[in-house]
Amino acid sequence: TGRELYYPETVEALARTGMRMTLGESNNEHVQWSAEKKTDRFLSAHGTNGKSAGTDDDWYAALDASREVLVWAGKAKAKDGFYGAELPIIKTTSIVRKSPKFLAELLMDSERVKVYNKMSLGRTDERVFQTGVDTQGGAFGDGESKVVRNLTKPPMVNSIIEFVTCMHARKLRPSDMSILFPNDGNNN
């Protein structure tokens, strides 16, 4: 119904699930990721197992120098019957020389969607719960949350596709590190 988005705890639970969905194959209970061919070649050439991004400084330097955008296509591990489970999921990794706050604000700004998404024909804010990625303790929890409608014209598709999406951005918390880096013994 969409009414569940009026509860900060629901949005927070969605945010935590979203973080878990980005994890590599060995730690991911939600998504089965497959690297695209170009990504697989890059990963193999730079000392990773071809499944996930590297973690050492040399790996990041190679990615930065290449200016590549690594792309994985995901398939939900959900059982049949879950709404949307058949839809593709895309994950990317790249080096972007901007601050996390700049990127979050860019992605949340519907008027600037065409700056980074050339397939978008435009995005409108249907329902803004609260603004400001730095918001703390707002009526709808931390961060910025809204529902948007995006019209997209992907290549090789003869029609315009409409997406209605819940968007949420907030600062990472120390407790998020144990989700994002589950095998790192330094997390509290």
C-alpha atoms as a PDB file:
ATOM      1  CA  THR A   1       0.000   0.000   0.000  1.00  0.00           C
ATOM      2  CA  GLY A   2       2.971   2.323   0.521  1.00  0.00           C
ATOM      3  CA  ARG A   3       1.764   3.271   3.990  1.00  0.00           C
ATOM      4  CA  GLU A   4       4.552   1.169   5.510  1.00  0.00           C
ATOM      5  CA  LEU A   5       7.048   3.810   4.332  1.00  0.00           C
ATOM      6  CA  TYR A   6       5.585   6.234   6.872  1.00  0.00           C
ATOM      7  CA  TYR A   7       7.327   4.271   9.646  1.00  0.00           C
ATOM      8  CA  PRO A   8      11.044   5.051  10.159  1.00  0.00           C
ATOM      9  CA  GLU A   9      11.712   1.484  11.341  1.00  0.00           C
ATOM     10  CA  THR A  10      10.469   0.115   7.994  1.00  0.00           C
ATOM     11  CA  VAL A  11      12.761   2.386   6.002  1.00  0.00           C
ATOM     12  CA  GLU A  12      15.655   1.478   8.310  1.00  0.00           C
ATOM     13  CA  ALA A  13      14.984  -2.242   7.812  1.00  0.00           C
ATOM     14  CA  LEU A  14      14.927  -1.711   4.029  1.00  0.00           C
ATOM     15  CA  ALA A  15      18.234   0.200   4.237  1.00  0.00           C
ATOM     16  CA  ARG A  16      19.896  -2.613   6.202  1.00  0.00           C
ATOM     17  CA  THR A  17      18.576  -5.216   3.727  1.00  0.00           C
ATOM     18  CA  GLY A  18      19.884  -3.069   0.868  1.00  0.00           C
ATOM     19  CA  MET A  19      23.337  -3.048   2.452  1.00  0.00           C
ATOM     20  CA  ARG A  20      23.255  -6.832   2.817  1.00  0.00           C
ATOM     21  CA  MET A  21      22.228  -7.198  -0.840  1.00  0.00           C
ATOM     22  CA  THR A  22      25.457  -5.503  -1.998  1.00  0.00           C
ATOM     23  CA  LEU A  23      27.701  -8.118  -0.382  1.00  0.00           C
ATOM     24  CA  GLY A  24      29.750 -10.531  -2.448  1.00  0.00           C
ATOM     25  CA  GLU A  25      28.580 -14.052  -3.213  1.00  0.00           C
ATOM     26  CA  SER A  26      29.942 -15.812  -0.113  1.00  0.00           C
ATOM     27  CA  ASN A  27      28.165 -13.502   2.355  1.00  0.00           C
ATOM     28  CA  ASN A  28      24.955 -12.820   0.478  1.00  0.00           C
ATOM     29  CA  GLU A  29      21.692 -14.453   1.443  1.00  0.00           C
ATOM     30  CA  HIS A  30      19.587 -12.220  -0.821  1.00  0.00           C
ATOM     31  CA  VAL A  31      21.207 -11.985  -4.277  1.00  0.00           C
ATOM     32  CA  GLN A  32      23.232 -14.199  -6.570  1.00  0.00           C
ATOM     33  CA  TRP A  33      25.644 -11.870  -8.403  1.00  0.00           C
ATOM     34  CA  SER A  34      27.236 -12.563 -11.812  1.00  0.00           C
ATOM     35  CA  ALA A  35      29.953 -10.298 -13.149  1.00  0.00           C
ATOM     36  CA  GLU A  36      29.512  -9.074 -16.705  1.00  0.00           C
ATOM     37  CA  LYS A  37      32.220 -10.345 -19.092  1.00  0.00           C
ATOM     38  CA  LYS A  38      34.252  -7.119 -19.062  1.00  0.00           C
ATOM     39  CA  THR A  39      34.090  -6.996 -15.257  1.00  0.00           C
ATOM     40  CA  ASP A  40      35.071 -10.658 -14.989  1.00  0.00           C
ATOM     41  CA  ARG A  41      38.117 -10.046 -17.201  1.00  0.00           C
ATOM     42  CA  PHE A  42      39.161  -7.034 -15.108  1.00  0.00           C
ATOM     43  CA  LEU A  43      38.752  -8.944 -11.841  1.00  0.00           C
ATOM     44  CA  SER A  44      40.701 -11.935 -13.128  1.00  0.00           C
ATOM     45  CA  ALA A  45      43.489  -9.725 -14.491  1.00  0.00           C
ATOM     46  CA  HIS A  46      43.894  -7.956 -11.171  1.00  0.00           C
ATOM     47  CA  GLY A  47      44.173 -10.859  -8.785  1.00  0.00           C
ATOM     48  CA  THR A  48      40.645 -11.381  -7.535  1.00  0.00           C
ATOM     49  CA  ASN A  49      38.631 -14.549  -7.857  1.00  0.00           C
ATOM     50  CA  GLY A  50      36.363 -13.056 -10.497  1.00  0.00           C
ATOM     51  CA  LYS A  51      33.420 -12.961  -8.084  1.00  0.00           C
ATOM     52  CA  SER A  52      33.934  -9.744  -6.147  1.00  0.00           C
ATOM     53  CA  ALA A  53      35.912  -6.535  -5.976  1.00  0.00           C
ATOM     54  CA  GLY A  54      39.399  -6.517  -4.509  1.00  0.00           C
ATOM     55  CA  THR A  55      40.384  -4.928  -1.246  1.00  0.00           C
ATOM     56  CA  ASP A  56      44.065  -3.975  -1.432  1.00  0.00           C
ATOM     57  CA  ASP A  57      45.589  -0.645  -2.482  1.00  0.00           C
ATOM     58  CA  ASP A  58      47.033  -2.064  -5.739  1.00  0.00           C
ATOM     59  CA  TRP A  59      43.591  -3.270  -6.804  1.00  0.00           C
ATOM     60  CA  TYR A  60      42.018   0.142  -6.185  1.00  0.00           C
ATOM     61  CA  ALA A  61      44.897   1.877  -8.008  1.00  0.00           C
ATOM     62  CA  ALA A  62      44.333  -0.389 -11.048  1.00  0.00           C
ATOM     63  CA  LEU A  63      40.594   0.367 -11.014  1.00  0.00           C
ATOM     64  CA  ASP A  64      41.253   4.101 -10.662  1.00  0.00           C
ATOM     65  CA  ALA A  65      43.778   4.120 -13.516  1.00  0.00           C
ATOM     66  CA  SER A  66      41.479   2.101 -15.790  1.00  0.00           C
ATOM     67  CA  ARG A  67      38.448   4.362 -15.219  1.00  0.00           C
ATOM     68  CA  GLU A  68      36.347   1.199 -15.572  1.00  0.00           C
ATOM     69  CA  VAL A  69      32.865   0.796 -14.177  1.00  0.00           C
ATOM     70  CA  LEU A  70      32.568  -2.795 -12.976  1.00  0.00           C
ATOM     71  CA  VAL A  71      29.061  -4.230 -13.385  1.00  0.00           C
ATOM     72  CA  TRP A  72      27.330  -7.240 -11.837  1.00  0.00           C
ATOM     73  CA  ALA A  73      23.841  -8.474 -12.674  1.00  0.00           C
ATOM     74  CA  GLY A  74      21.963  -9.989  -9.776  1.00  0.00           C
ATOM     75  CA  LYS A  75      19.111 -12.403  -9.380  1.00  0.00           C
ATOM     76  CA  ALA A  76      17.096 -12.524  -6.176  1.00  0.00           C
ATOM     77  CA  LYS A  77      17.441 -15.747  -4.221  1.00  0.00           C
ATOM     78  CA  ALA A  78      13.825 -15.358  -3.093  1.00  0.00           C
ATOM     79  CA  LYS A  79      11.444 -18.188  -3.745  1.00  0.00           C
ATOM     80  CA  ASP A  80       8.889 -17.882  -6.517  1.00  0.00           C
ATOM     81  CA  GLY A  81       5.917 -15.741  -5.664  1.00  0.00           C
ATOM     82  CA  PHE A  82       7.774 -12.847  -4.023  1.00  0.00           C
ATOM     83  CA  TYR A  83       6.780  -9.638  -5.766  1.00  0.00           C
ATOM     84  CA  GLY A  84       9.552  -8.407  -8.067  1.00  0.00           C
ATOM     85  CA  ALA A  85      11.872 -11.380  -7.477  1.00  0.00           C
ATOM     86  CA  GLU A  86      12.114 -11.977 -11.234  1.00  0.00           C
ATOM     87  CA  LEU A  87      13.396  -8.439 -11.942  1.00  0.00           C
ATOM     88  CA  PRO A  88      17.121  -7.914 -12.540  1.00  0.00           C
ATOM     89  CA  ILE A  89      19.300  -6.142  -9.999  1.00  0.00           C
ATOM     90  CA  ILE A  90      22.416  -4.208 -11.022  1.00  0.00           C
ATOM     91  CA  LYS A  91      25.460  -3.436  -8.861  1.00  0.00           C
ATOM     92  CA  THR A  92      28.419  -1.318  -9.955  1.00  0.00           C
ATOM     93  CA  THR A  93      31.844  -0.462  -8.558  1.00  0.00           C
ATOM     94  CA  SER A  94      34.081   2.351  -9.728  1.00  0.00           C
ATOM     95  CA  ILE A  95      36.349   5.073  -8.417  1.00  0.00           C
ATOM     96  CA  VAL A  96      34.533   8.406  -8.405  1.00  0.00           C
ATOM     97  CA  ARG A  97      36.578  11.352  -7.230  1.00  0.00           C
ATOM     98  CA  LYS A  98      33.763  13.039  -5.342  1.00  0.00           C
ATOM     99  CA  SER A  99      32.736  12.935  -1.697  1.00  0.00           C
ATOM    100  CA  PRO A 100      30.130  10.389  -0.558  1.00  0.00           C
ATOM    101  CA  LYS A 101      27.856  13.276   0.429  1.00  0.00           C
ATOM    102  CA  PHE A 102      28.147  14.868  -3.041  1.00  0.00           C
ATOM    103  CA  LEU A 103      27.229  11.545  -4.688  1.00  0.00           C
ATOM    104  CA  ALA A 104      24.324  10.880  -2.318  1.00  0.00           C
ATOM    105  CA  GLU A 105      22.897  14.345  -2.920  1.00  0.00           C
ATOM    106  CA  LEU A 106      23.348  13.952  -6.691  1.00  0.00           C
ATOM    107  CA  LEU A 107      21.548  10.601  -6.736  1.00  0.00           C
ATOM    108  CA  MET A 108      18.690  11.921  -4.601  1.00  0.00           C
ATOM    109  CA  ASP A 109      18.165  15.079  -6.706  1.00  0.00           C
ATOM    110  CA  SER A 110      15.485  14.243  -9.280  1.00  0.00           C
ATOM    111  CA  GLU A 111      16.233  17.405 -11.265  1.00  0.00           C
ATOM    112  CA  ARG A 112      19.816  16.174 -11.895  1.00  0.00           C
ATOM    113  CA  VAL A 113      19.065  12.532 -12.797  1.00  0.00           C
ATOM    114  CA  LYS A 114      20.085  13.059 -16.433  1.00  0.00           C
ATOM    115  CA  VAL A 115      23.603  14.064 -15.310  1.00  0.00           C
ATOM    116  CA  TYR A 116      24.412  10.430 -14.494  1.00  0.00           C
ATOM    117  CA  ASN A 117      21.615   8.413 -16.171  1.00  0.00           C
ATOM    118  CA  LYS A 118      21.543   9.007 -19.913  1.00  0.00           C
ATOM    119  CA  MET A 119      18.633   6.559 -20.338  1.00  0.00           C
ATOM    120  CA  SER A 120      16.339   8.550 -18.046  1.00  0.00           C
ATOM    121  CA  LEU A 121      13.672  10.674 -19.679  1.00  0.00           C
ATOM    122  CA  GLY A 122      13.044  12.361 -16.342  1.00  0.00           C
ATOM    123  CA  ARG A 123      12.217  11.612 -12.737  1.00  0.00           C
ATOM    124  CA  THR A 124       9.592  13.211 -10.516  1.00  0.00           C
ATOM    125  CA  ASP A 125       9.247  13.150  -6.761  1.00  0.00           C
ATOM    126  CA  GLU A 126       5.858  11.592  -6.014  1.00  0.00           C
ATOM    127  CA  ARG A 127       6.093  11.705  -2.211  1.00  0.00           C
ATOM    128  CA  VAL A 128       8.909  13.333  -0.227  1.00  0.00           C
ATOM    129  CA  PHE A 129       8.997  12.124   3.374  1.00  0.00           C
ATOM    130  CA  GLN A 130      11.929  14.322   4.378  1.00  0.00           C
ATOM    131  CA  THR A 131      14.943  15.932   2.747  1.00  0.00           C
ATOM    132  CA  GLY A 132      18.600  16.109   3.689  1.00  0.00           C
ATOM    133  CA  VAL A 133      20.968  13.148   3.649  1.00  0.00           C
ATOM    134  CA  ASP A 134      22.479  14.543   6.884  1.00  0.00           C
ATOM    135  CA  THR A 135      19.114  14.681   8.713  1.00  0.00           C
ATOM    136  CA  GLN A 136      19.358  13.119  12.177  1.00  0.00           C
ATOM    137  CA  GLY A 137      16.312  12.117  14.216  1.00  0.00           C
ATOM    138  CA  GLY A 138      13.762  13.508  11.762  1.00  0.00           C
ATOM    139  CA  ALA A 139      10.086  12.601  11.784  1.00  0.00           C
ATOM    140  CA  PHE A 140      10.879   9.788   9.309  1.00  0.00           C
ATOM    141  CA  GLY A 141      14.158   8.707  10.904  1.00  0.00           C
ATOM    142  CA  ASP A 142      17.643   9.621   9.710  1.00  0.00           C
ATOM    143  CA  GLY A 143      18.443  10.800   6.194  1.00  0.00           C
ATOM    144  CA  GLU A 144      16.385  11.650   3.134  1.00  0.00           C
ATOM    145  CA  SER A 145      13.485   9.473   1.958  1.00  0.00           C
ATOM    146  CA  LYS A 146      11.089   9.752  -0.952  1.00  0.00           C
ATOM    147  CA  VAL A 147       9.135   7.862  -3.585  1.00  0.00           C
ATOM    148  CA  VAL A 148       9.978   8.767  -7.187  1.00  0.00           C
ATOM    149  CA  ARG A 149       8.637   7.982 -10.660  1.00  0.00           C
ATOM    150  CA  ASN A 150      11.270   7.564 -13.391  1.00  0.00           C
ATOM    151  CA  LEU A 151      10.694   7.164 -17.116  1.00  0.00           C
ATOM    152  CA  THR A 152      13.518   5.277 -18.840  1.00  0.00           C
ATOM    153  CA  LYS A 153      14.272   4.414 -22.465  1.00  0.00           C
ATOM    154  CA  PRO A 154      16.878   1.626 -22.371  1.00  0.00           C
ATOM    155  CA  PRO A 155      18.776   0.783 -25.552  1.00  0.00           C
ATOM    156  CA  MET A 156      17.363  -2.084 -27.615  1.00  0.00           C
ATOM    157  CA  VAL A 157      13.935  -1.735 -25.986  1.00  0.00           C
ATOM    158  CA  ASN A 158      11.144  -0.321 -28.096  1.00  0.00           C
ATOM    159  CA  SER A 159       9.158   1.165 -25.265  1.00  0.00           C
ATOM    160  CA  ILE A 160       9.494   3.556 -22.369  1.00  0.00           C
ATOM    161  CA  ILE A 161       9.716   1.845 -18.997  1.00  0.00           C
ATOM    162  CA  GLU A 162       8.246   3.415 -15.878  1.00  0.00           C
ATOM    163  CA  PHE A 163       9.789   2.745 -12.468  1.00  0.00           C
ATOM    164  CA  VAL A 164       8.295   3.786  -9.133  1.00  0.00           C
ATOM    165  CA  THR A 165      11.015   3.559  -6.528  1.00  0.00           C
ATOM    166  CA  CYS A 166      11.523   4.237  -2.837  1.00  0.00           C
ATOM    167  CA  MET A 167      14.793   6.140  -2.431  1.00  0.00           C
ATOM    168  CA  HIS A 168      16.603   6.594   0.857  1.00  0.00           C
ATOM    169  CA  ALA A 169      20.034   7.995   1.722  1.00  0.00           C
ATOM    170  CA  ARG A 170      21.640   8.558   5.103  1.00  0.00           C
ATOM    171  CA  LYS A 171      25.069   8.668   6.673  1.00  0.00           C
ATOM    172  CA  LEU A 172      26.580   5.304   7.482  1.00  0.00           C
ATOM    173  CA  ARG A 173      26.631   4.454  11.166  1.00  0.00           C
ATOM    174  CA  PRO A 174      29.353   2.535  13.000  1.00  0.00           C
ATOM    175  CA  SER A 175      26.894  -0.394  13.337  1.00  0.00           C
ATOM    176  CA  ASP A 176      26.602  -0.543   9.514  1.00  0.00           C
ATOM    177  CA  MET A 177      30.239  -1.609   9.228  1.00  0.00           C
ATOM    178  CA  SER A 178      29.466  -5.105  10.535  1.00  0.00           C
ATOM    179  CA  ILE A 179      26.945  -5.507   7.702  1.00  0.00           C
ATOM    180  CA  LEU A 180      29.196  -4.135   4.963  1.00  0.00           C
ATOM    181  CA  PHE A 181      32.371  -5.884   6.140  1.00  0.00           C
ATOM    182  CA  PRO A 182      31.183  -9.098   7.857  1.00  0.00           C
ATOM    183  CA  ASN A 183      34.559 -10.864   7.757  1.00  0.00           C
ATOM    184  CA  ASP A 184      36.548  -7.987   9.226  1.00  0.00           C
ATOM    185  CA  GLY A 185      37.373  -8.682  12.866  1.00  0.00           C
ATOM    186  CA  ASN A 186      37.814  -4.948  13.538  1.00  0.00           C
ATOM    187  CA  ASN A 187      34.097  -4.161  13.476  1.00  0.00           C
ATOM    188  CA  ASN A 188      32.255  -3.288  16.647  1.00  0.00           C
END
